[in-house]
Amino acid sequence: MTRMDALKAVIASLEAELTALKSFDIDALAVATSEKEGRIGALAARNDNPLSAEERALAEQAARLNETARVYVNLMSANVKQRLETLTGVKPVAYAPTRAVA
């Protein structure tokens, strides 16, 4: 597999991951994420030469897709957090300093 093929495969995995996120398909998300990680590993193993302009464009596209997925996951997480706070009436404290015991 060439580096171009590996980059295209990573992009396909990222697109599948986004589709799974948008449809709340946990099984498809697990498969897409596993494939993505494997393909990134294969891509990392081929990191022997500088990227061509076309490879760089594909890598940048993959980075944008990954960022989109990250934002989507963070928004979903914030939504769940807000719903839980509304249901329970409890807002968890992200950081609470503790007192030193003498």
PDB file of N, CA and C in Angstrom:
ATOM      1  N   MET A   1       0.848  -1.178   0.000  1.00  0.00           N
ATOM      2  CA  MET A   1       0.000   0.000   0.000  1.00  0.00           C
ATOM      3  C   MET A   1       0.893   1.240   0.000  1.00  0.00           C
ATOM      4  N   THR A   2       0.639   2.123  -0.917  1.00  0.00           N
ATOM      5  CA  THR A   2       1.417   3.362  -0.981  1.00  0.00           C
ATOM      6  C   THR A   2       0.946   4.322   0.109  1.00  0.00           C
ATOM      7  N   ARG A   3       1.733   5.348   0.339  1.00  0.00           N
ATOM      8  CA  ARG A   3       1.343   6.342   1.334  1.00  0.00           C
ATOM      9  C   ARG A   3       0.067   7.067   0.900  1.00  0.00           C
ATOM     10  N   MET A   4      -0.078   7.301  -0.412  1.00  0.00           N
ATOM     11  CA  MET A   4      -1.299   7.926  -0.930  1.00  0.00           C
ATOM     12  C   MET A   4      -2.511   7.045  -0.616  1.00  0.00           C
ATOM     13  N   ASP A   5      -2.378   5.751  -0.862  1.00  0.00           N
ATOM     14  CA  ASP A   5      -3.470   4.816  -0.572  1.00  0.00           C
ATOM     15  C   ASP A   5      -3.787   4.805   0.921  1.00  0.00           C
ATOM     16  N   ALA A   6      -2.737   4.829   1.743  1.00  0.00           N
ATOM     17  CA  ALA A   6      -2.936   4.817   3.191  1.00  0.00           C
ATOM     18  C   ALA A   6      -3.651   6.096   3.647  1.00  0.00           C
ATOM     19  N   LEU A   7      -3.284   7.239   3.088  1.00  0.00           N
ATOM     20  CA  LEU A   7      -3.962   8.494   3.437  1.00  0.00           C
ATOM     21  C   LEU A   7      -5.428   8.465   3.007  1.00  0.00           C
ATOM     22  N   LYS A   8      -5.691   7.946   1.827  1.00  0.00           N
ATOM     23  CA  LYS A   8      -7.074   7.842   1.349  1.00  0.00           C
ATOM     24  C   LYS A   8      -7.882   6.897   2.245  1.00  0.00           C
ATOM     25  N   ALA A   9      -7.246   5.835   2.713  1.00  0.00           N
ATOM     26  CA  ALA A   9      -7.923   4.894   3.608  1.00  0.00           C
ATOM     27  C   ALA A   9      -8.222   5.547   4.960  1.00  0.00           C
ATOM     28  N   VAL A  10      -7.305   6.356   5.465  1.00  0.00           N
ATOM     29  CA  VAL A  10      -7.535   7.073   6.725  1.00  0.00           C
ATOM     30  C   VAL A  10      -8.719   8.030   6.550  1.00  0.00           C
ATOM     31  N   ILE A  11      -8.755   8.734   5.435  1.00  0.00           N
ATOM     32  CA  ILE A  11      -9.859   9.663   5.161  1.00  0.00           C
ATOM     33  C   ILE A  11     -11.189   8.909   5.097  1.00  0.00           C
ATOM     34  N   ALA A  12     -11.190   7.763   4.453  1.00  0.00           N
ATOM     35  CA  ALA A  12     -12.418   6.950   4.384  1.00  0.00           C
ATOM     36  C   ALA A  12     -12.864   6.524   5.788  1.00  0.00           C
ATOM     37  N   SER A  13     -11.914   6.167   6.623  1.00  0.00           N
ATOM     38  CA  SER A  13     -12.250   5.778   8.001  1.00  0.00           C
ATOM     39  C   SER A  13     -12.809   6.961   8.782  1.00  0.00           C
ATOM     40  N   LEU A  14     -12.211   8.127   8.600  1.00  0.00           N
ATOM     41  CA  LEU A  14     -12.700   9.331   9.286  1.00  0.00           C
ATOM     42  C   LEU A  14     -14.116   9.685   8.826  1.00  0.00           C
ATOM     43  N   GLU A  15     -14.377   9.549   7.532  1.00  0.00           N
ATOM     44  CA  GLU A  15     -15.721   9.820   7.018  1.00  0.00           C
ATOM     45  C   GLU A  15     -16.729   8.815   7.583  1.00  0.00           C
ATOM     46  N   ALA A  16     -16.330   7.558   7.696  1.00  0.00           N
ATOM     47  CA  ALA A  16     -17.201   6.540   8.285  1.00  0.00           C
ATOM     48  C   ALA A  16     -17.440   6.836   9.768  1.00  0.00           C
ATOM     49  N   GLU A  17     -16.419   7.311  10.437  1.00  0.00           N
ATOM     50  CA  GLU A  17     -16.533   7.663  11.848  1.00  0.00           C
ATOM     51  C   GLU A  17     -17.535   8.809  12.041  1.00  0.00           C
ATOM     52  N   LEU A  18     -17.444   9.828  11.184  1.00  0.00           N
ATOM     53  CA  LEU A  18     -18.383  10.947  11.266  1.00  0.00           C
ATOM     54  C   LEU A  18     -19.810  10.500  10.981  1.00  0.00           C
ATOM     55  N   THR A  19     -19.984   9.654   9.996  1.00  0.00           N
ATOM     56  CA  THR A  19     -21.313   9.134   9.669  1.00  0.00           C
ATOM     57  C   THR A  19     -21.888   8.374  10.866  1.00  0.00           C
ATOM     58  N   ALA A  20     -21.065   7.567  11.497  1.00  0.00           N
ATOM     59  CA  ALA A  20     -21.508   6.804  12.668  1.00  0.00           C
ATOM     60  C   ALA A  20     -21.851   7.732  13.833  1.00  0.00           C
ATOM     61  N   LEU A  21     -21.054   8.763  14.033  1.00  0.00           N
ATOM     62  CA  LEU A  21     -21.346   9.729  15.097  1.00  0.00           C
ATOM     63  C   LEU A  21     -22.684  10.424  14.851  1.00  0.00           C
ATOM     64  N   LYS A  22     -22.902  10.839  13.632  1.00  0.00           N
ATOM     65  CA  LYS A  22     -24.126  11.575  13.301  1.00  0.00           C
ATOM     66  C   LYS A  22     -25.378  10.713  13.423  1.00  0.00           C
ATOM     67  N   SER A  23     -25.229   9.411  13.212  1.00  0.00           N
ATOM     68  CA  SER A  23     -26.384   8.519  13.295  1.00  0.00           C
ATOM     69  C   SER A  23     -26.457   7.789  14.640  1.00  0.00           C
ATOM     70  N   PHE A  24     -25.542   8.104  15.553  1.00  0.00           N
ATOM     71  CA  PHE A  24     -25.490   7.466  16.876  1.00  0.00           C
ATOM     72  C   PHE A  24     -25.373   5.953  16.775  1.00  0.00           C
ATOM     73  N   ASP A  25     -24.636   5.475  15.771  1.00  0.00           N
ATOM     74  CA  ASP A  25     -24.438   4.042  15.554  1.00  0.00           C
ATOM     75  C   ASP A  25     -23.140   3.619  16.248  1.00  0.00           C
ATOM     76  N   ILE A  26     -23.288   3.119  17.453  1.00  0.00           N
ATOM     77  CA  ILE A  26     -22.124   2.787  18.281  1.00  0.00           C
ATOM     78  C   ILE A  26     -21.284   1.672  17.670  1.00  0.00           C
ATOM     79  N   ASP A  27     -21.939   0.656  17.117  1.00  0.00           N
ATOM     80  CA  ASP A  27     -21.192  -0.453  16.510  1.00  0.00           C
ATOM     81  C   ASP A  27     -20.368   0.033  15.314  1.00  0.00           C
ATOM     82  N   ALA A  28     -20.982   0.845  14.458  1.00  0.00           N
ATOM     83  CA  ALA A  28     -20.266   1.381  13.296  1.00  0.00           C
ATOM     84  C   ALA A  28     -19.138   2.309  13.741  1.00  0.00           C
ATOM     85  N   LEU A  29     -19.376   3.062  14.821  1.00  0.00           N
ATOM     86  CA  LEU A  29     -18.343   3.952  15.349  1.00  0.00           C
ATOM     87  C   LEU A  29     -17.141   3.150  15.844  1.00  0.00           C
ATOM     88  N   ALA A  30     -17.400   2.054  16.536  1.00  0.00           N
ATOM     89  CA  ALA A  30     -16.308   1.211  17.035  1.00  0.00           C
ATOM     90  C   ALA A  30     -15.495   0.634  15.884  1.00  0.00           C
ATOM     91  N   VAL A  31     -16.178   0.181  14.836  1.00  0.00           N
ATOM     92  CA  VAL A  31     -15.480  -0.373  13.672  1.00  0.00           C
ATOM     93  C   VAL A  31     -14.664   0.704  12.974  1.00  0.00           C
ATOM     94  N   ALA A  32     -15.283   1.858  12.727  1.00  0.00           N
ATOM     95  CA  ALA A  32     -14.592   2.943  12.013  1.00  0.00           C
ATOM     96  C   ALA A  32     -13.382   3.440  12.797  1.00  0.00           C
ATOM     97  N   THR A  33     -13.534   3.556  14.107  1.00  0.00           N
ATOM     98  CA  THR A  33     -12.426   4.033  14.940  1.00  0.00           C
ATOM     99  C   THR A  33     -11.284   3.030  14.952  1.00  0.00           C
ATOM    100  N   SER A  34     -11.619   1.756  15.059  1.00  0.00           N
ATOM    101  CA  SER A  34     -10.590   0.718  15.035  1.00  0.00           C
ATOM    102  C   SER A  34      -9.845   0.708  13.696  1.00  0.00           C
ATOM    103  N   GLU A  35     -10.613   0.819  12.599  1.00  0.00           N
ATOM    104  CA  GLU A  35      -9.980   0.866  11.275  1.00  0.00           C
ATOM    105  C   GLU A  35      -9.092   2.097  11.135  1.00  0.00           C
ATOM    106  N   LYS A  36      -9.584   3.222  11.623  1.00  0.00           N
ATOM    107  CA  LYS A  36      -8.813   4.467  11.541  1.00  0.00           C
ATOM    108  C   LYS A  36      -7.478   4.314  12.274  1.00  0.00           C
ATOM    109  N   GLU A  37      -7.527   3.794  13.472  1.00  0.00           N
ATOM    110  CA  GLU A  37      -6.302   3.626  14.254  1.00  0.00           C
ATOM    111  C   GLU A  37      -5.322   2.694  13.563  1.00  0.00           C
ATOM    112  N   GLY A  38      -5.830   1.588  13.001  1.00  0.00           N
ATOM    113  CA  GLY A  38      -4.962   0.653  12.276  1.00  0.00           C
ATOM    114  C   GLY A  38      -4.341   1.286  11.046  1.00  0.00           C
ATOM    115  N   ARG A  39      -5.149   2.055  10.335  1.00  0.00           N
ATOM    116  CA  ARG A  39      -4.653   2.700   9.119  1.00  0.00           C
ATOM    117  C   ARG A  39      -3.652   3.809   9.435  1.00  0.00           C
ATOM    118  N   ILE A  40      -3.867   4.512  10.518  1.00  0.00           N
ATOM    119  CA  ILE A  40      -2.893   5.534  10.923  1.00  0.00           C
ATOM    120  C   ILE A  40      -1.587   4.861  11.324  1.00  0.00           C
ATOM    121  N   GLY A  41      -1.686   3.715  11.986  1.00  0.00           N
ATOM    122  CA  GLY A  41      -0.479   2.960  12.331  1.00  0.00           C
ATOM    123  C   GLY A  41       0.284   2.529  11.099  1.00  0.00           C
ATOM    124  N   ALA A  42      -0.432   2.063  10.089  1.00  0.00           N
ATOM    125  CA  ALA A  42       0.213   1.665   8.832  1.00  0.00           C
ATOM    126  C   ALA A  42       0.839   2.869   8.146  1.00  0.00           C
ATOM    127  N   LEU A  43       0.156   3.989   8.217  1.00  0.00           N
ATOM    128  CA  LEU A  43       0.672   5.214   7.621  1.00  0.00           C
ATOM    129  C   LEU A  43       1.938   5.676   8.344  1.00  0.00           C
ATOM    130  N   ALA A  44       1.935   5.601   9.650  1.00  0.00           N
ATOM    131  CA  ALA A  44       3.103   6.009  10.439  1.00  0.00           C
ATOM    132  C   ALA A  44       4.316   5.138  10.119  1.00  0.00           C
ATOM    133  N   ALA A  45       4.073   3.872   9.818  1.00  0.00           N
ATOM    134  CA  ALA A  45       5.175   2.966   9.479  1.00  0.00           C
ATOM    135  C   ALA A  45       5.816   3.331   8.140  1.00  0.00           C
ATOM    136  N   ARG A  46       5.101   4.081   7.308  1.00  0.00           N
ATOM    137  CA  ARG A  46       5.621   4.466   5.993  1.00  0.00           C
ATOM    138  C   ARG A  46       6.178   5.889   5.995  1.00  0.00           C
ATOM    139  N   ASN A  47       6.480   6.410   7.139  1.00  0.00           N
ATOM    140  CA  ASN A  47       6.952   7.786   7.269  1.00  0.00           C
ATOM    141  C   ASN A  47       8.441   7.874   6.928  1.00  0.00           C
ATOM    142  N   ASP A  48       8.777   7.524   5.685  1.00  0.00           N
ATOM    143  CA  ASP A  48      10.179   7.436   5.302  1.00  0.00           C
ATOM    144  C   ASP A  48      10.675   8.600   4.443  1.00  0.00           C
ATOM    145  N   ASN A  49       9.778   9.246   3.717  1.00  0.00           N
ATOM    146  CA  ASN A  49      10.165  10.340   2.825  1.00  0.00           C
ATOM    147  C   ASN A  49       9.311  11.564   3.106  1.00  0.00           C
ATOM    148  N   PRO A  50       9.778  12.731   2.701  1.00  0.00           N
ATOM    149  CA  PRO A  50       8.932  13.923   2.860  1.00  0.00           C
ATOM    150  C   PRO A  50       7.638  13.766   2.058  1.00  0.00           C
ATOM    151  N   LEU A  51       6.579  14.418   2.531  1.00  0.00           N
ATOM    152  CA  LEU A  51       5.288  14.352   1.840  1.00  0.00           C
ATOM    153  C   LEU A  51       5.332  15.142   0.538  1.00  0.00           C
ATOM    154  N   SER A  52       4.694  14.590  -0.485  1.00  0.00           N
ATOM    155  CA  SER A  52       4.516  15.337  -1.725  1.00  0.00           C
ATOM    156  C   SER A  52       3.392  16.352  -1.492  1.00  0.00           C
ATOM    157  N   ALA A  53       3.188  17.255  -2.421  1.00  0.00           N
ATOM    158  CA  ALA A  53       2.129  18.258  -2.289  1.00  0.00           C
ATOM    159  C   ALA A  53       0.762  17.582  -2.204  1.00  0.00           C
ATOM    160  N   GLU A  54       0.555  16.538  -3.010  1.00  0.00           N
ATOM    161  CA  GLU A  54      -0.725  15.827  -3.000  1.00  0.00           C
ATOM    162  C   GLU A  54      -0.932  15.074  -1.678  1.00  0.00           C
ATOM    163  N   GLU A  55       0.142  14.462  -1.170  1.00  0.00           N
ATOM    164  CA  GLU A  55       0.052  13.761   0.109  1.00  0.00           C
ATOM    165  C   GLU A  55      -0.221  14.752   1.241  1.00  0.00           C
ATOM    166  N   ARG A  56       0.416  15.906   1.189  1.00  0.00           N
ATOM    167  CA  ARG A  56       0.201  16.929   2.210  1.00  0.00           C
ATOM    168  C   ARG A  56      -1.263  17.387   2.194  1.00  0.00           C
ATOM    169  N   ALA A  57      -1.840  17.561   1.003  1.00  0.00           N
ATOM    170  CA  ALA A  57      -3.242  17.970   0.891  1.00  0.00           C
ATOM    171  C   ALA A  57      -4.158  16.910   1.499  1.00  0.00           C
ATOM    172  N   LEU A  58      -3.861  15.643   1.256  1.00  0.00           N
ATOM    173  CA  LEU A  58      -4.667  14.567   1.847  1.00  0.00           C
ATOM    174  C   LEU A  58      -4.502  14.527   3.365  1.00  0.00           C
ATOM    175  N   ALA A  59      -3.279  14.734   3.846  1.00  0.00           N
ATOM    176  CA  ALA A  59      -3.039  14.752   5.289  1.00  0.00           C
ATOM    177  C   ALA A  59      -3.795  15.909   5.942  1.00  0.00           C
ATOM    178  N   GLU A  60      -3.828  17.050   5.278  1.00  0.00           N
ATOM    179  CA  GLU A  60      -4.561  18.198   5.806  1.00  0.00           C
ATOM    180  C   GLU A  60      -6.062  17.928   5.811  1.00  0.00           C
ATOM    181  N   GLN A  61      -6.558  17.256   4.780  1.00  0.00           N
ATOM    182  CA  GLN A  61      -7.976  16.890   4.735  1.00  0.00           C
ATOM    183  C   GLN A  61      -8.301  15.945   5.890  1.00  0.00           C
ATOM    184  N   ALA A  62      -7.423  14.982   6.129  1.00  0.00           N
ATOM    185  CA  ALA A  62      -7.632  14.044   7.243  1.00  0.00           C
ATOM    186  C   ALA A  62      -7.640  14.794   8.573  1.00  0.00           C
ATOM    187  N   ALA A  63      -6.741  15.756   8.729  1.00  0.00           N
ATOM    188  CA  ALA A  63      -6.692  16.529   9.969  1.00  0.00           C
ATOM    189  C   ALA A  63      -7.986  17.324  10.169  1.00  0.00           C
ATOM    190  N   ARG A  64      -8.521  17.897   9.092  1.00  0.00           N
ATOM    191  CA  ARG A  64      -9.784  18.646   9.186  1.00  0.00           C
ATOM    192  C   ARG A  64     -10.941  17.721   9.576  1.00  0.00           C
ATOM    193  N   LEU A  65     -10.988  16.552   8.968  1.00  0.00           N
ATOM    194  CA  LEU A  65     -12.039  15.591   9.315  1.00  0.00           C
ATOM    195  C   LEU A  65     -11.926  15.144  10.767  1.00  0.00           C
ATOM    196  N   ASN A  66     -10.711  14.920  11.214  1.00  0.00           N
ATOM    197  CA  ASN A  66     -10.490  14.519  12.601  1.00  0.00           C
ATOM    198  C   ASN A  66     -10.933  15.621  13.553  1.00  0.00           C
ATOM    199  N   GLU A  67     -10.633  16.868  13.213  1.00  0.00           N
ATOM    200  CA  GLU A  67     -11.050  18.001  14.039  1.00  0.00           C
ATOM    201  C   GLU A  67     -12.573  18.108  14.070  1.00  0.00           C
ATOM    202  N   THR A  68     -13.219  17.871  12.949  1.00  0.00           N
ATOM    203  CA  THR A  68     -14.681  17.887  12.893  1.00  0.00           C
ATOM    204  C   THR A  68     -15.259  16.818  13.819  1.00  0.00           C
ATOM    205  N   ALA A  69     -14.686  15.632  13.788  1.00  0.00           N
ATOM    206  CA  ALA A  69     -15.148  14.549  14.661  1.00  0.00           C
ATOM    207  C   ALA A  69     -14.943  14.911  16.125  1.00  0.00           C
ATOM    208  N   ARG A  70     -13.800  15.525  16.436  1.00  0.00           N
ATOM    209  CA  ARG A  70     -13.515  15.928  17.823  1.00  0.00           C
ATOM    210  C   ARG A  70     -14.545  16.939  18.313  1.00  0.00           C
ATOM    211  N   VAL A  71     -14.840  17.931  17.491  1.00  0.00           N
ATOM    212  CA  VAL A  71     -15.824  18.947  17.860  1.00  0.00           C
ATOM    213  C   VAL A  71     -17.200  18.303  18.061  1.00  0.00           C
ATOM    214  N   TYR A  72     -17.567  17.410  17.164  1.00  0.00           N
ATOM    215  CA  TYR A  72     -18.858  16.737  17.258  1.00  0.00           C
ATOM    216  C   TYR A  72     -18.968  15.949  18.565  1.00  0.00           C
ATOM    217  N   VAL A  73     -17.923  15.228  18.928  1.00  0.00           N
ATOM    218  CA  VAL A  73     -17.924  14.456  20.175  1.00  0.00           C
ATOM    219  C   VAL A  73     -18.022  15.393  21.375  1.00  0.00           C
ATOM    220  N   ASN A  74     -17.291  16.495  21.347  1.00  0.00           N
ATOM    221  CA  ASN A  74     -17.345  17.446  22.460  1.00  0.00           C
ATOM    222  C   ASN A  74     -18.732  18.062  22.607  1.00  0.00           C
ATOM    223  N   LEU A  75     -19.392  18.378  21.489  1.00  0.00           N
ATOM    224  CA  LEU A  75     -20.747  18.926  21.550  1.00  0.00           C
ATOM    225  C   LEU A  75     -21.727  17.900  22.115  1.00  0.00           C
ATOM    226  N   MET A  76     -21.593  16.650  21.690  1.00  0.00           N
ATOM    227  CA  MET A  76     -22.459  15.597  22.217  1.00  0.00           C
ATOM    228  C   MET A  76     -22.240  15.432  23.717  1.00  0.00           C
ATOM    229  N   SER A  77     -20.994  15.470  24.132  1.00  0.00           N
ATOM    230  CA  SER A  77     -20.669  15.327  25.551  1.00  0.00           C
ATOM    231  C   SER A  77     -21.254  16.485  26.368  1.00  0.00           C
ATOM    232  N   ALA A  78     -21.139  17.701  25.863  1.00  0.00           N
ATOM    233  CA  ALA A  78     -21.694  18.858  26.557  1.00  0.00           C
ATOM    234  C   ALA A  78     -23.212  18.760  26.661  1.00  0.00           C
ATOM    235  N   ASN A  79     -23.840  18.244  25.605  1.00  0.00           N
ATOM    236  CA  ASN A  79     -25.289  18.076  25.617  1.00  0.00           C
ATOM    237  C   ASN A  79     -25.709  17.058  26.671  1.00  0.00           C
ATOM    238  N   VAL A  80     -25.014  15.956  26.749  1.00  0.00           N
ATOM    239  CA  VAL A  80     -25.320  14.930  27.756  1.00  0.00           C
ATOM    240  C   VAL A  80     -25.109  15.496  29.158  1.00  0.00           C
ATOM    241  N   LYS A  81     -24.030  16.226  29.351  1.00  0.00           N
ATOM    242  CA  LYS A  81     -23.740  16.824  30.656  1.00  0.00           C
ATOM    243  C   LYS A  81     -24.869  17.761  31.069  1.00  0.00           C
ATOM    244  N   GLN A  82     -25.316  18.597  30.145  1.00  0.00           N
ATOM    245  CA  GLN A  82     -26.395  19.534  30.449  1.00  0.00           C
ATOM    246  C   GLN A  82     -27.682  18.794  30.799  1.00  0.00           C
ATOM    247  N   ARG A  83     -27.988  17.754  30.061  1.00  0.00           N
ATOM    248  CA  ARG A  83     -29.201  16.972  30.350  1.00  0.00           C
ATOM    249  C   ARG A  83     -29.133  16.316  31.720  1.00  0.00           C
ATOM    250  N   LEU A  84     -27.965  15.755  32.052  1.00  0.00           N
ATOM    251  CA  LEU A  84     -27.800  15.119  33.366  1.00  0.00           C
ATOM    252  C   LEU A  84     -27.932  16.135  34.486  1.00  0.00           C
ATOM    253  N   GLU A  85     -27.358  17.309  34.298  1.00  0.00           N
ATOM    254  CA  GLU A  85     -27.472  18.360  35.310  1.00  0.00           C
ATOM    255  C   GLU A  85     -28.929  18.790  35.483  1.00  0.00           C
ATOM    256  N   THR A  86     -29.666  18.871  34.374  1.00  0.00           N
ATOM    257  CA  THR A  86     -31.073  19.242  34.440  1.00  0.00           C
ATOM    258  C   THR A  86     -31.876  18.167  35.157  1.00  0.00           C
ATOM    259  N   LEU A  87     -31.614  16.918  34.859  1.00  0.00           N
ATOM    260  CA  LEU A  87     -32.349  15.815  35.482  1.00  0.00           C
ATOM    261  C   LEU A  87     -32.054  15.681  36.968  1.00  0.00           C
ATOM    262  N   THR A  88     -30.798  15.852  37.344  1.00  0.00           N
ATOM    263  CA  THR A  88     -30.403  15.627  38.731  1.00  0.00           C
ATOM    264  C   THR A  88     -30.420  16.889  39.576  1.00  0.00           C
ATOM    265  N   GLY A  89     -30.323  18.035  38.927  1.00  0.00           N
ATOM    266  CA  GLY A  89     -30.238  19.289  39.672  1.00  0.00           C
ATOM    267  C   GLY A  89     -28.867  19.503  40.289  1.00  0.00           C
ATOM    268  N   VAL A  90     -27.931  18.656  39.923  1.00  0.00           N
ATOM    269  CA  VAL A  90     -26.579  18.739  40.476  1.00  0.00           C
ATOM    270  C   VAL A  90     -25.605  19.141  39.386  1.00  0.00           C
ATOM    271  N   LYS A  91     -24.819  20.170  39.676  1.00  0.00           N
ATOM    272  CA  LYS A  91     -23.779  20.570  38.740  1.00  0.00           C
ATOM    273  C   LYS A  91     -22.438  20.131  39.332  1.00  0.00           C
ATOM    274  N   PRO A  92     -21.803  19.164  38.685  1.00  0.00           N
ATOM    275  CA  PRO A  92     -20.529  18.684  39.229  1.00  0.00           C
ATOM    276  C   PRO A  92     -19.461  19.767  39.168  1.00  0.00           C
ATOM    277  N   VAL A  93     -18.601  19.747  40.151  1.00  0.00           N
ATOM    278  CA  VAL A  93     -17.504  20.702  40.223  1.00  0.00           C
ATOM    279  C   VAL A  93     -16.303  20.078  39.522  1.00  0.00           C
ATOM    280  N   ALA A  94     -15.812  20.766  38.504  1.00  0.00           N
ATOM    281  CA  ALA A  94     -14.666  20.239  37.763  1.00  0.00           C
ATOM    282  C   ALA A  94     -13.396  20.281  38.593  1.00  0.00           C
ATOM    283  N   TYR A  95     -13.304  21.316  39.448  1.00  0.00           N
ATOM    284  CA  TYR A  95     -12.105  21.444  40.277  1.00  0.00           C
ATOM    285  C   TYR A  95     -12.526  22.023  41.597  1.00  0.00           C
ATOM    286  N   ALA A  96     -12.187  21.341  42.645  1.00  0.00           N
ATOM    287  CA  ALA A  96     -12.468  21.850  43.991  1.00  0.00           C
ATOM    288  C   ALA A  96     -11.188  21.706  44.812  1.00  0.00           C
ATOM    289  N   PRO A  97     -10.627  22.851  45.205  1.00  0.00           N
ATOM    290  CA  PRO A  97      -9.390  22.761  46.002  1.00  0.00           C
ATOM    291  C   PRO A  97      -9.672  22.070  47.341  1.00  0.00           C
ATOM    292  N   THR A  98      -8.706  21.321  47.809  1.00  0.00           N
ATOM    293  CA  THR A  98      -8.848  20.659  49.112  1.00  0.00           C
ATOM    294  C   THR A  98      -7.991  21.388  50.123  1.00  0.00           C
ATOM    295  N   ARG A  99      -8.424  21.307  51.338  1.00  0.00           N
ATOM    296  CA  ARG A  99      -7.652  21.952  52.410  1.00  0.00           C
ATOM    297  C   ARG A  99      -6.516  21.040  52.832  1.00  0.00           C
ATOM    298  N   ALA A 100      -5.443  21.673  53.202  1.00  0.00           N
ATOM    299  CA  ALA A 100      -4.318  20.918  53.743  1.00  0.00           C
ATOM    300  C   ALA A 100      -4.640  20.539  55.163  1.00  0.00           C
ATOM    301  N   VAL A 101      -4.332  19.328  55.526  1.00  0.00           N
ATOM    302  CA  VAL A 101      -4.581  18.865  56.885  1.00  0.00           C
ATOM    303  C   VAL A 101      -3.290  19.002  57.662  1.00  0.00           C
ATOM    304  N   ALA A 102      -3.385  19.683  58.803  1.00  0.00           N
ATOM    305  CA  ALA A 102      -2.175  19.926  59.609  1.00  0.00           C
ATOM    306  C   ALA A 102      -1.951  18.834  60.599  1.00  0.00           C
TER     307      ALA A 102
END
